[in-house]
Amino acid sequence: MCGRMNVIADPLCQWVGETLGLDFHTSDNLDLRPTQAVATVVHQQGSLKQLDTAWGIKPAWAKNILINAQAETVMQKPTFKRAFAEHRCLVPCSGWYEWRQEGANEKTRKMKYLFSAADNKPLLMAGLIINEPSGAKLVTLTTAPIPSCAPYHNRMPLFVDVSNVDFWFGSTPEQLQPLLCNDNGFGVQVEKLCKIL
């Protein structure tokens, strides 16, 4: 479900600047969590700009903070429909984390895994901006996992390829349907980090 991100400022900031053509500044956060600050990229007044946000929203009807929206239903859900139509964003990041129960019987442990691009390049995670009185909030989009990620979780973040950035920001929600799932050829490397006792 992507409840943690990995952000390594160098080379992330330089890569965003060179690839997307904007000044982008963020700090290292190797375990970025919900409610924390997240630097995003938005399209405003004809150009790409950085927008600093906080990860997650807390609608009045929700018991817990919402950090993700399912890409498959984002156009229909009242909470996210307008944001998907008008306030899409990209989240430059170095990777994300998932946990998996491993072992048998009383010896099961949660194991933490780091997912990143196979070519070690930064990633552009798809997201939505929800504007609240307290400031801009981020909700990231998830989709069905590609085969290499399926053994670890039944969801994964949705990513936008650099070649589709203009299309992501400039299209109607209906036109974006082909982008709402990750290509099975998307290369991911998985690293086991540690067990959570």
C-alpha atoms as a PDB file:
ATOM      1  CA  MET A   1       0.000   0.000   0.000  1.00  0.00           C
ATOM      2  CA  CYS A   2       3.056   2.245   0.207  1.00  0.00           C
ATOM      3  CA  GLY A   3       2.999   3.711   3.696  1.00  0.00           C
ATOM      4  CA  ARG A   4       6.650   4.754   3.665  1.00  0.00           C
ATOM      5  CA  MET A   5       8.876   6.433   1.089  1.00  0.00           C
ATOM      6  CA  ASN A   6      12.611   6.691   0.636  1.00  0.00           C
ATOM      7  CA  VAL A   7      13.926  10.111  -0.387  1.00  0.00           C
ATOM      8  CA  ILE A   8      17.629  10.661  -1.073  1.00  0.00           C
ATOM      9  CA  ALA A   9      18.093  14.328  -1.952  1.00  0.00           C
ATOM     10  CA  ASP A  10      21.320  13.784  -3.892  1.00  0.00           C
ATOM     11  CA  PRO A  11      20.892  12.887  -6.754  1.00  0.00           C
ATOM     12  CA  LEU A  12      17.087  13.305  -6.594  1.00  0.00           C
ATOM     13  CA  CYS A  13      17.061  17.117  -6.689  1.00  0.00           C
ATOM     14  CA  GLN A  14      19.579  17.295  -9.509  1.00  0.00           C
ATOM     15  CA  TRP A  15      17.731  14.639 -11.513  1.00  0.00           C
ATOM     16  CA  VAL A  16      14.393  16.441 -11.184  1.00  0.00           C
ATOM     17  CA  GLY A  17      15.996  19.719 -12.218  1.00  0.00           C
ATOM     18  CA  GLU A  18      17.669  18.230 -15.269  1.00  0.00           C
ATOM     19  CA  THR A  19      14.753  16.011 -16.293  1.00  0.00           C
ATOM     20  CA  LEU A  20      11.750  18.227 -15.582  1.00  0.00           C
ATOM     21  CA  GLY A  21      13.383  21.637 -15.846  1.00  0.00           C
ATOM     22  CA  LEU A  22      12.584  23.188 -12.471  1.00  0.00           C
ATOM     23  CA  ASP A  23      14.384  24.082  -9.270  1.00  0.00           C
ATOM     24  CA  PHE A  24      13.598  21.283  -6.846  1.00  0.00           C
ATOM     25  CA  HIS A  25      14.747  21.136  -3.248  1.00  0.00           C
ATOM     26  CA  THR A  26      14.106  18.490  -0.626  1.00  0.00           C
ATOM     27  CA  SER A  27      15.951  16.849   2.261  1.00  0.00           C
ATOM     28  CA  ASP A  28      16.977  13.276   2.887  1.00  0.00           C
ATOM     29  CA  ASN A  29      14.288  11.221   4.556  1.00  0.00           C
ATOM     30  CA  LEU A  30      15.041   7.522   4.391  1.00  0.00           C
ATOM     31  CA  ASP A  31      11.785   6.642   6.145  1.00  0.00           C
ATOM     32  CA  LEU A  32       9.257   9.275   5.053  1.00  0.00           C
ATOM     33  CA  ARG A  33       5.979   8.634   6.878  1.00  0.00           C
ATOM     34  CA  PRO A  34       2.387   9.833   6.666  1.00  0.00           C
ATOM     35  CA  THR A  35       1.812  13.380   8.030  1.00  0.00           C
ATOM     36  CA  GLN A  36       5.410  14.343   7.227  1.00  0.00           C
ATOM     37  CA  ALA A  37       6.419  16.950   4.640  1.00  0.00           C
ATOM     38  CA  VAL A  38       6.663  15.767   1.027  1.00  0.00           C
ATOM     39  CA  ALA A  39       7.998  17.816  -1.876  1.00  0.00           C
ATOM     40  CA  THR A  40       5.844  17.338  -4.979  1.00  0.00           C
ATOM     41  CA  VAL A  41       5.750  18.621  -8.554  1.00  0.00           C
ATOM     42  CA  VAL A  42       2.598  20.306  -9.861  1.00  0.00           C
ATOM     43  CA  HIS A  43       1.609  22.116 -13.051  1.00  0.00           C
ATOM     44  CA  GLN A  44       0.605  25.714 -12.400  1.00  0.00           C
ATOM     45  CA  GLN A  45       0.251  28.648 -14.799  1.00  0.00           C
ATOM     46  CA  GLY A  46       1.788  26.764 -17.683  1.00  0.00           C
ATOM     47  CA  SER A  47       4.887  25.377 -15.997  1.00  0.00           C
ATOM     48  CA  LEU A  48       6.062  22.760 -13.535  1.00  0.00           C
ATOM     49  CA  LYS A  49       6.638  23.959  -9.989  1.00  0.00           C
ATOM     50  CA  GLN A  50       7.492  22.508  -6.612  1.00  0.00           C
ATOM     51  CA  LEU A  51       4.724  22.335  -4.029  1.00  0.00           C
ATOM     52  CA  ASP A  52       5.482  21.241  -0.479  1.00  0.00           C
ATOM     53  CA  THR A  53       2.721  19.174   1.076  1.00  0.00           C
ATOM     54  CA  ALA A  54       1.908  17.001   4.079  1.00  0.00           C
ATOM     55  CA  TRP A  55       1.153  13.350   3.371  1.00  0.00           C
ATOM     56  CA  GLY A  56      -2.406  12.296   4.178  1.00  0.00           C
ATOM     57  CA  ILE A  57      -5.883  13.675   4.760  1.00  0.00           C
ATOM     58  CA  LYS A  58      -8.420  13.095   7.524  1.00  0.00           C
ATOM     59  CA  PRO A  59     -11.971  13.505   6.163  1.00  0.00           C
ATOM     60  CA  ALA A  60     -14.693  13.903   8.768  1.00  0.00           C
ATOM     61  CA  TRP A  61     -16.115  10.471   7.919  1.00  0.00           C
ATOM     62  CA  ALA A  62     -12.786   8.625   8.152  1.00  0.00           C
ATOM     63  CA  LYS A  63     -11.568   6.913  11.317  1.00  0.00           C
ATOM     64  CA  ASN A  64      -7.952   7.046  10.205  1.00  0.00           C
ATOM     65  CA  ILE A  65      -5.778   9.228   8.030  1.00  0.00           C
ATOM     66  CA  LEU A  66      -6.012   8.449   4.298  1.00  0.00           C
ATOM     67  CA  ILE A  67      -2.701   8.380   2.470  1.00  0.00           C
ATOM     68  CA  ASN A  68      -3.582   6.422  -0.685  1.00  0.00           C
ATOM     69  CA  ALA A  69      -6.325   6.309  -3.295  1.00  0.00           C
ATOM     70  CA  GLN A  70      -6.895   3.434  -5.697  1.00  0.00           C
ATOM     71  CA  ALA A  71      -6.153   4.462  -9.265  1.00  0.00           C
ATOM     72  CA  GLU A  72      -8.881   2.166 -10.576  1.00  0.00           C
ATOM     73  CA  THR A  73     -11.653   4.060  -8.759  1.00  0.00           C
ATOM     74  CA  VAL A  74     -10.201   7.539  -8.245  1.00  0.00           C
ATOM     75  CA  MET A  75     -12.454   9.066 -10.941  1.00  0.00           C
ATOM     76  CA  GLN A  76     -15.590   7.867  -9.135  1.00  0.00           C
ATOM     77  CA  LYS A  77     -14.793   8.454  -5.460  1.00  0.00           C
ATOM     78  CA  PRO A  78     -16.286  11.739  -4.205  1.00  0.00           C
ATOM     79  CA  THR A  79     -13.291  12.345  -1.933  1.00  0.00           C
ATOM     80  CA  PHE A  80     -10.810  12.240  -4.798  1.00  0.00           C
ATOM     81  CA  LYS A  81     -12.743  12.916  -8.015  1.00  0.00           C
ATOM     82  CA  ARG A  82     -12.173  16.679  -8.155  1.00  0.00           C
ATOM     83  CA  ALA A  83      -8.518  16.443  -7.129  1.00  0.00           C
ATOM     84  CA  PHE A  84      -7.866  13.865  -9.839  1.00  0.00           C
ATOM     85  CA  ALA A  85      -9.469  16.128 -12.429  1.00  0.00           C
ATOM     86  CA  GLU A  86      -7.821  19.370 -11.338  1.00  0.00           C
ATOM     87  CA  HIS A  87      -4.949  18.828  -8.903  1.00  0.00           C
ATOM     88  CA  ARG A  88      -2.757  15.935  -9.969  1.00  0.00           C
ATOM     89  CA  CYS A  89       0.874  15.887  -8.874  1.00  0.00           C
ATOM     90  CA  LEU A  90       4.052  13.833  -9.055  1.00  0.00           C
ATOM     91  CA  VAL A  91       6.158  12.808  -6.088  1.00  0.00           C
ATOM     92  CA  PRO A  92       9.867  12.442  -6.889  1.00  0.00           C
ATOM     93  CA  CYS A  93      11.294   9.719  -4.685  1.00  0.00           C
ATOM     94  CA  SER A  94      14.094   7.198  -4.491  1.00  0.00           C
ATOM     95  CA  GLY A  95      11.924   4.232  -3.546  1.00  0.00           C
ATOM     96  CA  TRP A  96       9.284   2.893  -1.197  1.00  0.00           C
ATOM     97  CA  TYR A  97       8.886   0.239   1.486  1.00  0.00           C
ATOM     98  CA  GLU A  98       6.616  -2.708   2.106  1.00  0.00           C
ATOM     99  CA  TRP A  99       6.446  -5.283   4.891  1.00  0.00           C
ATOM    100  CA  ARG A 100       5.741  -8.996   4.621  1.00  0.00           C
ATOM    101  CA  GLN A 101       4.973 -11.620   7.233  1.00  0.00           C
ATOM    102  CA  GLU A 102       7.524 -14.401   6.980  1.00  0.00           C
ATOM    103  CA  GLY A 103       8.157 -17.588   8.898  1.00  0.00           C
ATOM    104  CA  ALA A 104       5.833 -20.164  10.361  1.00  0.00           C
ATOM    105  CA  ASN A 105       3.752 -20.549  13.508  1.00  0.00           C
ATOM    106  CA  GLU A 106       5.155 -18.603  16.492  1.00  0.00           C
ATOM    107  CA  LYS A 107       8.258 -17.615  14.549  1.00  0.00           C
ATOM    108  CA  THR A 108       6.570 -15.281  12.061  1.00  0.00           C
ATOM    109  CA  ARG A 109       8.189 -11.881  11.730  1.00  0.00           C
ATOM    110  CA  LYS A 110       7.480  -8.808   9.677  1.00  0.00           C
ATOM    111  CA  MET A 111      10.272  -8.255   7.192  1.00  0.00           C
ATOM    112  CA  LYS A 112      10.898  -4.823   5.706  1.00  0.00           C
ATOM    113  CA  TYR A 113      11.729  -4.477   2.001  1.00  0.00           C
ATOM    114  CA  LEU A 114      12.990  -1.512   0.007  1.00  0.00           C
ATOM    115  CA  PHE A 115      11.735  -1.188  -3.580  1.00  0.00           C
ATOM    116  CA  SER A 116      13.532   1.014  -6.086  1.00  0.00           C
ATOM    117  CA  ALA A 117      14.022   1.313  -9.837  1.00  0.00           C
ATOM    118  CA  ALA A 118      16.206  -1.381 -11.374  1.00  0.00           C
ATOM    119  CA  ASP A 119      18.273   1.304 -13.128  1.00  0.00           C
ATOM    120  CA  ASN A 120      18.720   3.184  -9.806  1.00  0.00           C
ATOM    121  CA  LYS A 121      17.074   6.303 -11.213  1.00  0.00           C
ATOM    122  CA  PRO A 122      14.566   8.316  -9.174  1.00  0.00           C
ATOM    123  CA  LEU A 123      10.864   7.586  -9.546  1.00  0.00           C
ATOM    124  CA  LEU A 124       7.845   9.806 -10.141  1.00  0.00           C
ATOM    125  CA  MET A 125       4.993   8.572  -7.963  1.00  0.00           C
ATOM    126  CA  ALA A 126       1.512   9.672  -8.989  1.00  0.00           C
ATOM    127  CA  GLY A 127      -0.490  11.674  -6.490  1.00  0.00           C
ATOM    128  CA  LEU A 128      -3.277  14.137  -5.796  1.00  0.00           C
ATOM    129  CA  ILE A 129      -3.252  17.480  -4.019  1.00  0.00           C
ATOM    130  CA  ILE A 130      -6.074  18.166  -1.574  1.00  0.00           C
ATOM    131  CA  ASN A 131      -6.148  21.831  -0.568  1.00  0.00           C
ATOM    132  CA  GLU A 132      -7.200  22.323   3.041  1.00  0.00           C
ATOM    133  CA  PRO A 133      -7.198  25.413   5.313  1.00  0.00           C
ATOM    134  CA  SER A 134      -4.078  24.044   7.020  1.00  0.00           C
ATOM    135  CA  GLY A 135      -2.249  23.698   3.712  1.00  0.00           C
ATOM    136  CA  ALA A 136      -1.754  21.370   0.769  1.00  0.00           C
ATOM    137  CA  LYS A 137      -2.164  17.672   1.505  1.00  0.00           C
ATOM    138  CA  LEU A 138      -0.897  14.746  -0.539  1.00  0.00           C
ATOM    139  CA  VAL A 139      -2.673  11.502  -1.367  1.00  0.00           C
ATOM    140  CA  THR A 140      -0.646   9.009  -3.404  1.00  0.00           C
ATOM    141  CA  LEU A 141      -2.181   6.668  -5.978  1.00  0.00           C
ATOM    142  CA  THR A 142      -1.854   2.895  -5.857  1.00  0.00           C
ATOM    143  CA  THR A 143      -2.577   0.192  -8.391  1.00  0.00           C
ATOM    144  CA  ALA A 144      -2.314  -3.579  -8.843  1.00  0.00           C
ATOM    145  CA  PRO A 145       1.273  -4.825  -8.442  1.00  0.00           C
ATOM    146  CA  ILE A 146       3.480  -5.860 -11.314  1.00  0.00           C
ATOM    147  CA  PRO A 147       4.625  -9.520 -11.136  1.00  0.00           C
ATOM    148  CA  SER A 148       7.903  -8.758  -9.373  1.00  0.00           C
ATOM    149  CA  CYS A 149       6.096  -6.874  -6.581  1.00  0.00           C
ATOM    150  CA  ALA A 150       3.063  -9.154  -6.189  1.00  0.00           C
ATOM    151  CA  PRO A 151       4.741 -11.566  -3.715  1.00  0.00           C
ATOM    152  CA  TYR A 152       5.154  -8.708  -1.229  1.00  0.00           C
ATOM    153  CA  HIS A 153       1.855  -6.819  -1.362  1.00  0.00           C
ATOM    154  CA  ASN A 154      -1.422  -6.763  -3.283  1.00  0.00           C
ATOM    155  CA  ARG A 155      -0.972  -3.056  -4.116  1.00  0.00           C
ATOM    156  CA  MET A 156       1.900  -0.846  -5.211  1.00  0.00           C
ATOM    157  CA  PRO A 157       2.391   2.851  -5.976  1.00  0.00           C
ATOM    158  CA  LEU A 158       1.428   4.134  -9.395  1.00  0.00           C
ATOM    159  CA  PHE A 159       4.361   5.653 -11.277  1.00  0.00           C
ATOM    160  CA  VAL A 160       4.453   8.011 -14.238  1.00  0.00           C
ATOM    161  CA  ASP A 161       7.250   7.643 -16.759  1.00  0.00           C
ATOM    162  CA  VAL A 162       9.188  10.780 -17.631  1.00  0.00           C
ATOM    163  CA  SER A 163       7.938  10.513 -21.209  1.00  0.00           C
ATOM    164  CA  ASN A 164       4.337  10.821 -19.950  1.00  0.00           C
ATOM    165  CA  VAL A 165       4.724  13.812 -17.618  1.00  0.00           C
ATOM    166  CA  ASP A 166       3.153  16.310 -20.019  1.00  0.00           C
ATOM    167  CA  PHE A 167       0.316  13.889 -20.743  1.00  0.00           C
ATOM    168  CA  TRP A 168      -0.235  13.319 -17.008  1.00  0.00           C
ATOM    169  CA  PHE A 169      -0.724  17.008 -16.363  1.00  0.00           C
ATOM    170  CA  GLY A 170      -2.382  18.024 -19.618  1.00  0.00           C
ATOM    171  CA  SER A 171      -5.022  15.360 -20.178  1.00  0.00           C
ATOM    172  CA  THR A 172      -8.579  14.806 -19.032  1.00  0.00           C
ATOM    173  CA  PRO A 173      -9.261  12.111 -16.431  1.00  0.00           C
ATOM    174  CA  GLU A 174     -10.772   9.889 -19.114  1.00  0.00           C
ATOM    175  CA  GLN A 175      -7.698  10.216 -21.329  1.00  0.00           C
ATOM    176  CA  LEU A 176      -5.469   9.129 -18.437  1.00  0.00           C
ATOM    177  CA  GLN A 177      -7.013   5.671 -18.196  1.00  0.00           C
ATOM    178  CA  PRO A 178      -4.038   3.964 -19.943  1.00  0.00           C
ATOM    179  CA  LEU A 179      -1.654   5.393 -17.338  1.00  0.00           C
ATOM    180  CA  LEU A 180      -3.543   4.091 -14.305  1.00  0.00           C
ATOM    181  CA  CYS A 181      -1.553   0.864 -14.097  1.00  0.00           C
ATOM    182  CA  ASN A 182       2.167   0.172 -14.098  1.00  0.00           C
ATOM    183  CA  ASP A 183       3.738  -1.472 -17.132  1.00  0.00           C
ATOM    184  CA  ASN A 184       4.738  -5.064 -16.391  1.00  0.00           C
ATOM    185  CA  GLY A 185       8.092  -4.219 -17.954  1.00  0.00           C
ATOM    186  CA  PHE A 186       8.748  -1.641 -15.242  1.00  0.00           C
ATOM    187  CA  GLY A 187      12.040  -2.726 -13.672  1.00  0.00           C
ATOM    188  CA  VAL A 188      12.089  -2.925  -9.884  1.00  0.00           C
ATOM    189  CA  GLN A 189      14.806  -4.117  -7.542  1.00  0.00           C
ATOM    190  CA  VAL A 190      13.872  -5.424  -4.108  1.00  0.00           C
ATOM    191  CA  GLU A 191      16.159  -5.378  -1.072  1.00  0.00           C
ATOM    192  CA  LYS A 192      15.412  -7.111   2.215  1.00  0.00           C
ATOM    193  CA  LEU A 193      16.355  -4.767   5.032  1.00  0.00           C
ATOM    194  CA  CYS A 194      15.508  -6.156   8.438  1.00  0.00           C
ATOM    195  CA  LYS A 195      12.926  -7.867  10.571  1.00  0.00           C
ATOM    196  CA  ILE A 196      10.453  -5.902  12.664  1.00  0.00           C
ATOM    197  CA  LEU A 197      10.122  -7.535  16.076  1.00  0.00           C
END
